[in-house]
């Protein structure tokens, strides 16, 4: 992790490393749930801890470090979505790929759909049906469910992260929960097998 000219003192460095070790897996898991692939999850996790290191002196120790780092991951993920949407609008898949002098972060290769071992491990924490339902959500909906239902972040904190009123978060989660239940019913009607490894209780929205 590059720190350029910024450096924490020995006590701050030890505390940061302790908190990073305690939360790294949860942050990566959250990043993967949001991004849906290992590469983006690794990039989001690395960048989140880099930014957390740079601003660690602003961290207020009386609030959970998890919520603070989740806020950073959430903002990075929303930035990633906005950047990709702009690129999708500006560039067609038919456009020849210009590598020399181009944006190294701009990729046109079709993604490899085969799961990696890490993805299999992460997806194994949910039933197959629930994972399919979650994958059918929009990135924004998946973000809300990940924060509220998977990570248990309070609605007020989610509202602060996203810059929305708590009532808006509640109503959007309520609609998202309905979509998940409808998708699960559809999967059940289609007769796809259910592998109940872990049930996720949706946070109440009323």
C-alpha atoms as a PDB file:
ATOM      1  CA  UNK A   1       0.000   0.000   0.000  1.00  0.00           C
ATOM      2  CA  UNK A   2       1.691   3.211  -1.134  1.00  0.00           C
ATOM      3  CA  UNK A   3       1.532   6.131   1.295  1.00  0.00           C
ATOM      4  CA  UNK A   4       3.515   8.710  -0.738  1.00  0.00           C
ATOM      5  CA  UNK A   5       4.745  11.381   1.767  1.00  0.00           C
ATOM      6  CA  UNK A   6       1.955  10.782   4.273  1.00  0.00           C
ATOM      7  CA  UNK A   7       2.860   8.721   7.327  1.00  0.00           C
ATOM      8  CA  UNK A   8       1.064   7.838  10.540  1.00  0.00           C
ATOM      9  CA  UNK A   9       3.051   7.739  13.756  1.00  0.00           C
ATOM     10  CA  UNK A  10       3.946   4.358  15.254  1.00  0.00           C
ATOM     11  CA  UNK A  11       0.912   4.224  17.545  1.00  0.00           C
ATOM     12  CA  UNK A  12      -1.502   5.234  14.777  1.00  0.00           C
ATOM     13  CA  UNK A  13       0.091   2.769  12.360  1.00  0.00           C
ATOM     14  CA  UNK A  14      -0.284  -0.107  14.824  1.00  0.00           C
ATOM     15  CA  UNK A  15      -3.919   0.781  15.491  1.00  0.00           C
ATOM     16  CA  UNK A  16      -4.722   1.063  11.803  1.00  0.00           C
ATOM     17  CA  UNK A  17      -3.106  -2.288  11.021  1.00  0.00           C
ATOM     18  CA  UNK A  18      -5.059  -3.892  13.855  1.00  0.00           C
ATOM     19  CA  UNK A  19      -8.368  -2.543  12.545  1.00  0.00           C
ATOM     20  CA  UNK A  20      -7.500  -3.440   8.951  1.00  0.00           C
ATOM     21  CA  UNK A  21      -6.683  -7.048   9.878  1.00  0.00           C
ATOM     22  CA  UNK A  22      -9.919  -7.328  11.847  1.00  0.00           C
ATOM     23  CA  UNK A  23     -12.121  -6.027   9.017  1.00  0.00           C
ATOM     24  CA  UNK A  24     -10.288  -6.895   5.794  1.00  0.00           C
ATOM     25  CA  UNK A  25     -12.319 -10.036   4.998  1.00  0.00           C
ATOM     26  CA  UNK A  26     -15.641  -8.317   5.679  1.00  0.00           C
ATOM     27  CA  UNK A  27     -14.669  -5.367   3.516  1.00  0.00           C
ATOM     28  CA  UNK A  28     -13.603  -7.658   0.676  1.00  0.00           C
ATOM     29  CA  UNK A  29     -16.794  -9.706   0.967  1.00  0.00           C
ATOM     30  CA  UNK A  30     -18.876  -6.542   0.858  1.00  0.00           C
ATOM     31  CA  UNK A  31     -16.932  -5.247  -2.148  1.00  0.00           C
ATOM     32  CA  UNK A  32     -17.482  -8.538  -3.948  1.00  0.00           C
ATOM     33  CA  UNK A  33     -21.214  -8.506  -3.180  1.00  0.00           C
ATOM     34  CA  UNK A  34     -21.436  -5.039  -4.683  1.00  0.00           C
ATOM     35  CA  UNK A  35     -19.160  -5.458  -7.691  1.00  0.00           C
ATOM     36  CA  UNK A  36     -19.974  -9.087  -8.487  1.00  0.00           C
ATOM     37  CA  UNK A  37     -16.439 -10.024  -9.543  1.00  0.00           C
ATOM     38  CA  UNK A  38     -13.085 -10.637  -7.909  1.00  0.00           C
ATOM     39  CA  UNK A  39     -11.055  -8.044  -9.819  1.00  0.00           C
ATOM     40  CA  UNK A  40     -13.266  -5.091  -8.928  1.00  0.00           C
ATOM     41  CA  UNK A  41     -13.661  -6.366  -5.369  1.00  0.00           C
ATOM     42  CA  UNK A  42      -9.891  -6.470  -4.909  1.00  0.00           C
ATOM     43  CA  UNK A  43      -9.491  -2.986  -6.409  1.00  0.00           C
ATOM     44  CA  UNK A  44     -12.264  -1.538  -4.244  1.00  0.00           C
ATOM     45  CA  UNK A  45     -10.834  -3.135  -1.108  1.00  0.00           C
ATOM     46  CA  UNK A  46      -7.297  -1.936  -1.765  1.00  0.00           C
ATOM     47  CA  UNK A  47      -8.405   1.601  -2.594  1.00  0.00           C
ATOM     48  CA  UNK A  48     -10.739   1.727   0.432  1.00  0.00           C
ATOM     49  CA  UNK A  49      -7.956   0.856   2.880  1.00  0.00           C
ATOM     50  CA  UNK A  50      -5.547   3.216   1.122  1.00  0.00           C
ATOM     51  CA  UNK A  51      -8.008   6.071   1.579  1.00  0.00           C
ATOM     52  CA  UNK A  52      -8.746   4.989   5.121  1.00  0.00           C
ATOM     53  CA  UNK A  53      -5.019   5.102   5.880  1.00  0.00           C
ATOM     54  CA  UNK A  54      -4.694   8.560   4.370  1.00  0.00           C
ATOM     55  CA  UNK A  55      -7.590   9.926   6.424  1.00  0.00           C
ATOM     56  CA  UNK A  56      -7.164   7.790   9.546  1.00  0.00           C
ATOM     57  CA  UNK A  57      -6.570  10.823  11.729  1.00  0.00           C
ATOM     58  CA  UNK A  58     -10.109  11.943  10.851  1.00  0.00           C
ATOM     59  CA  UNK A  59     -11.565   8.667  12.101  1.00  0.00           C
ATOM     60  CA  UNK A  60     -13.541   9.108  15.294  1.00  0.00           C
ATOM     61  CA  UNK A  61     -12.772   6.134  17.489  1.00  0.00           C
ATOM     62  CA  UNK A  62     -16.105   6.260  19.287  1.00  0.00           C
ATOM     63  CA  UNK A  63     -17.940   4.944  16.209  1.00  0.00           C
ATOM     64  CA  UNK A  64     -17.468   1.510  14.625  1.00  0.00           C
ATOM     65  CA  UNK A  65     -14.522   1.298  12.238  1.00  0.00           C
ATOM     66  CA  UNK A  66     -16.573  -1.103  10.089  1.00  0.00           C
ATOM     67  CA  UNK A  67     -19.206   1.533   9.376  1.00  0.00           C
ATOM     68  CA  UNK A  68     -16.515   4.064   8.550  1.00  0.00           C
ATOM     69  CA  UNK A  69     -14.716   1.790   6.091  1.00  0.00           C
ATOM     70  CA  UNK A  70     -18.052   0.610   4.641  1.00  0.00           C
ATOM     71  CA  UNK A  71     -18.846   4.263   3.919  1.00  0.00           C
ATOM     72  CA  UNK A  72     -15.593   4.552   1.963  1.00  0.00           C
ATOM     73  CA  UNK A  73     -16.294   1.344   0.002  1.00  0.00           C
ATOM     74  CA  UNK A  74     -19.811   2.558  -0.779  1.00  0.00           C
ATOM     75  CA  UNK A  75     -18.575   5.860  -2.174  1.00  0.00           C
ATOM     76  CA  UNK A  76     -15.914   4.112  -4.253  1.00  0.00           C
ATOM     77  CA  UNK A  77     -18.508   1.697  -5.642  1.00  0.00           C
ATOM     78  CA  UNK A  78     -20.874   4.546  -6.583  1.00  0.00           C
ATOM     79  CA  UNK A  79     -17.973   6.347  -8.276  1.00  0.00           C
ATOM     80  CA  UNK A  80     -17.195   3.150 -10.184  1.00  0.00           C
ATOM     81  CA  UNK A  81     -20.801   2.913 -11.392  1.00  0.00           C
ATOM     82  CA  UNK A  82     -20.878   6.542 -12.503  1.00  0.00           C
ATOM     83  CA  UNK A  83     -17.585   6.230 -14.386  1.00  0.00           C
ATOM     84  CA  UNK A  84     -18.690   3.076 -16.202  1.00  0.00           C
ATOM     85  CA  UNK A  85     -22.018   4.572 -17.174  1.00  0.00           C
ATOM     86  CA  UNK A  86     -20.265   7.533 -18.755  1.00  0.00           C
ATOM     87  CA  UNK A  87     -17.958   5.193 -20.676  1.00  0.00           C
ATOM     88  CA  UNK A  88     -20.831   3.029 -21.862  1.00  0.00           C
ATOM     89  CA  UNK A  89     -22.640   6.077 -23.206  1.00  0.00           C
ATOM     90  CA  UNK A  90     -19.548   7.466 -24.902  1.00  0.00           C
ATOM     91  CA  UNK A  91     -18.071   4.339 -26.471  1.00  0.00           C
ATOM     92  CA  UNK A  92     -19.588   1.491 -28.476  1.00  0.00           C
ATOM     93  CA  UNK A  93     -18.381  -2.113 -28.392  1.00  0.00           C
ATOM     94  CA  UNK A  94     -17.915  -1.716 -32.148  1.00  0.00           C
ATOM     95  CA  UNK A  95     -15.245   0.919 -31.575  1.00  0.00           C
ATOM     96  CA  UNK A  96     -11.703  -0.434 -32.157  1.00  0.00           C
ATOM     97  CA  UNK A  97      -9.729  -0.738 -28.937  1.00  0.00           C
ATOM     98  CA  UNK A  98      -6.907   1.808 -28.889  1.00  0.00           C
ATOM     99  CA  UNK A  99      -4.370   0.653 -26.316  1.00  0.00           C
ATOM    100  CA  UNK A 100      -1.434   2.991 -26.852  1.00  0.00           C
ATOM    101  CA  UNK A 101      -1.931   6.174 -24.900  1.00  0.00           C
ATOM    102  CA  UNK A 102      -5.433   5.156 -23.906  1.00  0.00           C
ATOM    103  CA  UNK A 103      -7.109   4.722 -20.588  1.00  0.00           C
ATOM    104  CA  UNK A 104      -5.657   1.619 -18.956  1.00  0.00           C
ATOM    105  CA  UNK A 105      -8.805   1.217 -16.890  1.00  0.00           C
ATOM    106  CA  UNK A 106     -11.049   0.941 -19.955  1.00  0.00           C
ATOM    107  CA  UNK A 107     -11.736  -2.657 -20.911  1.00  0.00           C
ATOM    108  CA  UNK A 108     -13.802  -4.131 -23.723  1.00  0.00           C
ATOM    109  CA  UNK A 109     -13.135  -7.827 -23.210  1.00  0.00           C
ATOM    110  CA  UNK A 110     -16.239  -9.839 -22.395  1.00  0.00           C
ATOM    111  CA  UNK A 111     -16.035 -11.057 -18.766  1.00  0.00           C
ATOM    112  CA  UNK A 112     -15.232 -14.655 -17.929  1.00  0.00           C
ATOM    113  CA  UNK A 113     -18.437 -16.019 -16.393  1.00  0.00           C
ATOM    114  CA  UNK A 114     -16.801 -19.042 -14.792  1.00  0.00           C
ATOM    115  CA  UNK A 115     -16.658 -18.685 -10.989  1.00  0.00           C
ATOM    116  CA  UNK A 116     -13.342 -18.402  -9.194  1.00  0.00           C
ATOM    117  CA  UNK A 117     -12.672 -20.273  -5.924  1.00  0.00           C
ATOM    118  CA  UNK A 118     -13.166 -17.029  -4.002  1.00  0.00           C
ATOM    119  CA  UNK A 119     -16.518 -16.448  -5.708  1.00  0.00           C
ATOM    120  CA  UNK A 120     -17.613 -20.003  -4.974  1.00  0.00           C
ATOM    121  CA  UNK A 121     -16.744 -19.506  -1.313  1.00  0.00           C
ATOM    122  CA  UNK A 122     -18.611 -16.226  -1.077  1.00  0.00           C
ATOM    123  CA  UNK A 123     -21.654 -17.453  -2.964  1.00  0.00           C
ATOM    124  CA  UNK A 124     -21.721 -20.561  -0.793  1.00  0.00           C
ATOM    125  CA  UNK A 125     -22.815 -18.465   2.173  1.00  0.00           C
ATOM    126  CA  UNK A 126     -26.263 -18.029   0.616  1.00  0.00           C
ATOM    127  CA  UNK A 127     -28.778 -20.401  -0.870  1.00  0.00           C
ATOM    128  CA  UNK A 128     -28.557 -20.721  -4.646  1.00  0.00           C
ATOM    129  CA  UNK A 129     -32.023 -19.243  -5.030  1.00  0.00           C
ATOM    130  CA  UNK A 130     -31.263 -16.212  -2.869  1.00  0.00           C
ATOM    131  CA  UNK A 131     -27.997 -15.580  -4.684  1.00  0.00           C
ATOM    132  CA  UNK A 132     -29.826 -15.651  -8.033  1.00  0.00           C
ATOM    133  CA  UNK A 133     -32.387 -13.214  -6.688  1.00  0.00           C
ATOM    134  CA  UNK A 134     -29.675 -10.851  -5.481  1.00  0.00           C
ATOM    135  CA  UNK A 135     -27.849 -11.048  -8.798  1.00  0.00           C
ATOM    136  CA  UNK A 136     -31.041  -9.962 -10.571  1.00  0.00           C
ATOM    137  CA  UNK A 137     -31.075  -6.626  -8.708  1.00  0.00           C
ATOM    138  CA  UNK A 138     -29.660  -3.383 -10.014  1.00  0.00           C
ATOM    139  CA  UNK A 139     -26.298  -2.333  -8.522  1.00  0.00           C
ATOM    140  CA  UNK A 140     -28.031   0.338  -6.419  1.00  0.00           C
ATOM    141  CA  UNK A 141     -30.574  -2.160  -5.073  1.00  0.00           C
ATOM    142  CA  UNK A 142     -27.822  -4.675  -4.344  1.00  0.00           C
ATOM    143  CA  UNK A 143     -25.956  -1.938  -2.472  1.00  0.00           C
ATOM    144  CA  UNK A 144     -28.935  -1.259  -0.206  1.00  0.00           C
ATOM    145  CA  UNK A 145     -29.513  -4.947   0.530  1.00  0.00           C
ATOM    146  CA  UNK A 146     -25.818  -5.549   1.167  1.00  0.00           C
ATOM    147  CA  UNK A 147     -25.592  -2.680   3.630  1.00  0.00           C
ATOM    148  CA  UNK A 148     -28.906  -3.227   5.434  1.00  0.00           C
ATOM    149  CA  UNK A 149     -29.451  -6.983   5.332  1.00  0.00           C
ATOM    150  CA  UNK A 150     -25.999  -8.524   4.961  1.00  0.00           C
ATOM    151  CA  UNK A 151     -23.833  -6.097   6.935  1.00  0.00           C
ATOM    152  CA  UNK A 152     -26.552  -4.834   9.290  1.00  0.00           C
ATOM    153  CA  UNK A 153     -25.694  -1.166   8.861  1.00  0.00           C
ATOM    154  CA  UNK A 154     -28.369   1.046  10.515  1.00  0.00           C
ATOM    155  CA  UNK A 155     -30.695   2.904   8.155  1.00  0.00           C
ATOM    156  CA  UNK A 156     -29.477   6.257   9.461  1.00  0.00           C
ATOM    157  CA  UNK A 157     -25.890   5.383   8.582  1.00  0.00           C
ATOM    158  CA  UNK A 158     -26.952   4.175   5.127  1.00  0.00           C
ATOM    159  CA  UNK A 159     -28.825   7.432   4.596  1.00  0.00           C
ATOM    160  CA  UNK A 160     -25.685   9.362   5.553  1.00  0.00           C
ATOM    161  CA  UNK A 161     -23.550   7.258   3.214  1.00  0.00           C
ATOM    162  CA  UNK A 162     -25.853   7.809   0.242  1.00  0.00           C
ATOM    163  CA  UNK A 163     -26.918  11.355   1.048  1.00  0.00           C
ATOM    164  CA  UNK A 164     -30.612  10.416   1.131  1.00  0.00           C
ATOM    165  CA  UNK A 165     -33.339  10.830   3.759  1.00  0.00           C
ATOM    166  CA  UNK A 166     -33.948   7.817   5.994  1.00  0.00           C
ATOM    167  CA  UNK A 167     -37.508   7.614   4.641  1.00  0.00           C
ATOM    168  CA  UNK A 168     -36.168   7.250   1.110  1.00  0.00           C
ATOM    169  CA  UNK A 169     -33.871   4.423   2.205  1.00  0.00           C
ATOM    170  CA  UNK A 170     -36.782   2.659   3.911  1.00  0.00           C
ATOM    171  CA  UNK A 171     -39.074   2.929   0.895  1.00  0.00           C
ATOM    172  CA  UNK A 172     -36.410   1.782  -1.562  1.00  0.00           C
ATOM    173  CA  UNK A 173     -35.515  -1.161   0.637  1.00  0.00           C
ATOM    174  CA  UNK A 174     -39.190  -2.063   0.933  1.00  0.00           C
ATOM    175  CA  UNK A 175     -39.520  -2.141  -2.869  1.00  0.00           C
ATOM    176  CA  UNK A 176     -36.272  -4.098  -3.173  1.00  0.00           C
ATOM    177  CA  UNK A 177     -37.443  -6.681  -0.649  1.00  0.00           C
ATOM    178  CA  UNK A 178     -40.637  -7.124  -2.653  1.00  0.00           C
ATOM    179  CA  UNK A 179     -38.560  -7.662  -5.801  1.00  0.00           C
ATOM    180  CA  UNK A 180     -36.431 -10.275  -4.044  1.00  0.00           C
ATOM    181  CA  UNK A 181     -39.471 -12.152  -2.771  1.00  0.00           C
ATOM    182  CA  UNK A 182     -41.101 -12.020  -6.201  1.00  0.00           C
ATOM    183  CA  UNK A 183     -37.927 -13.338  -7.812  1.00  0.00           C
ATOM    184  CA  UNK A 184     -37.699 -16.144  -5.252  1.00  0.00           C
ATOM    185  CA  UNK A 185     -41.301 -17.101  -5.973  1.00  0.00           C
ATOM    186  CA  UNK A 186     -40.535 -17.130  -9.698  1.00  0.00           C
ATOM    187  CA  UNK A 187     -37.516 -19.371  -9.139  1.00  0.00           C
ATOM    188  CA  UNK A 188     -39.617 -21.684  -7.005  1.00  0.00           C
ATOM    189  CA  UNK A 189     -42.311 -21.907  -9.692  1.00  0.00           C
ATOM    190  CA  UNK A 190     -39.672 -22.690 -12.283  1.00  0.00           C
ATOM    191  CA  UNK A 191     -38.741 -25.694 -10.178  1.00  0.00           C
ATOM    192  CA  UNK A 192     -35.110 -24.835  -9.694  1.00  0.00           C
ATOM    193  CA  UNK A 193     -33.482 -26.639  -6.754  1.00  0.00           C
ATOM    194  CA  UNK A 194     -33.044 -24.876  -3.455  1.00  0.00           C
ATOM    195  CA  UNK A 195     -29.852 -25.286  -1.461  1.00  0.00           C
ATOM    196  CA  UNK A 196     -30.548 -23.663   1.882  1.00  0.00           C
ATOM    197  CA  UNK A 197     -27.116 -23.044   3.333  1.00  0.00           C
ATOM    198  CA  UNK A 198     -27.962 -19.789   5.057  1.00  0.00           C
ATOM    199  CA  UNK A 199     -31.132 -17.770   5.249  1.00  0.00           C
ATOM    200  CA  UNK A 200     -30.905 -14.010   5.067  1.00  0.00           C
ATOM    201  CA  UNK A 201     -33.550 -12.247   7.102  1.00  0.00           C
ATOM    202  CA  UNK A 202     -34.541  -9.084   5.319  1.00  0.00           C
ATOM    203  CA  UNK A 203     -34.429  -6.043   7.534  1.00  0.00           C
ATOM    204  CA  UNK A 204     -37.918  -4.723   8.413  1.00  0.00           C
ATOM    205  CA  UNK A 205     -38.878  -1.638   6.454  1.00  0.00           C
ATOM    206  CA  UNK A 206     -41.971  -0.590   8.328  1.00  0.00           C
END
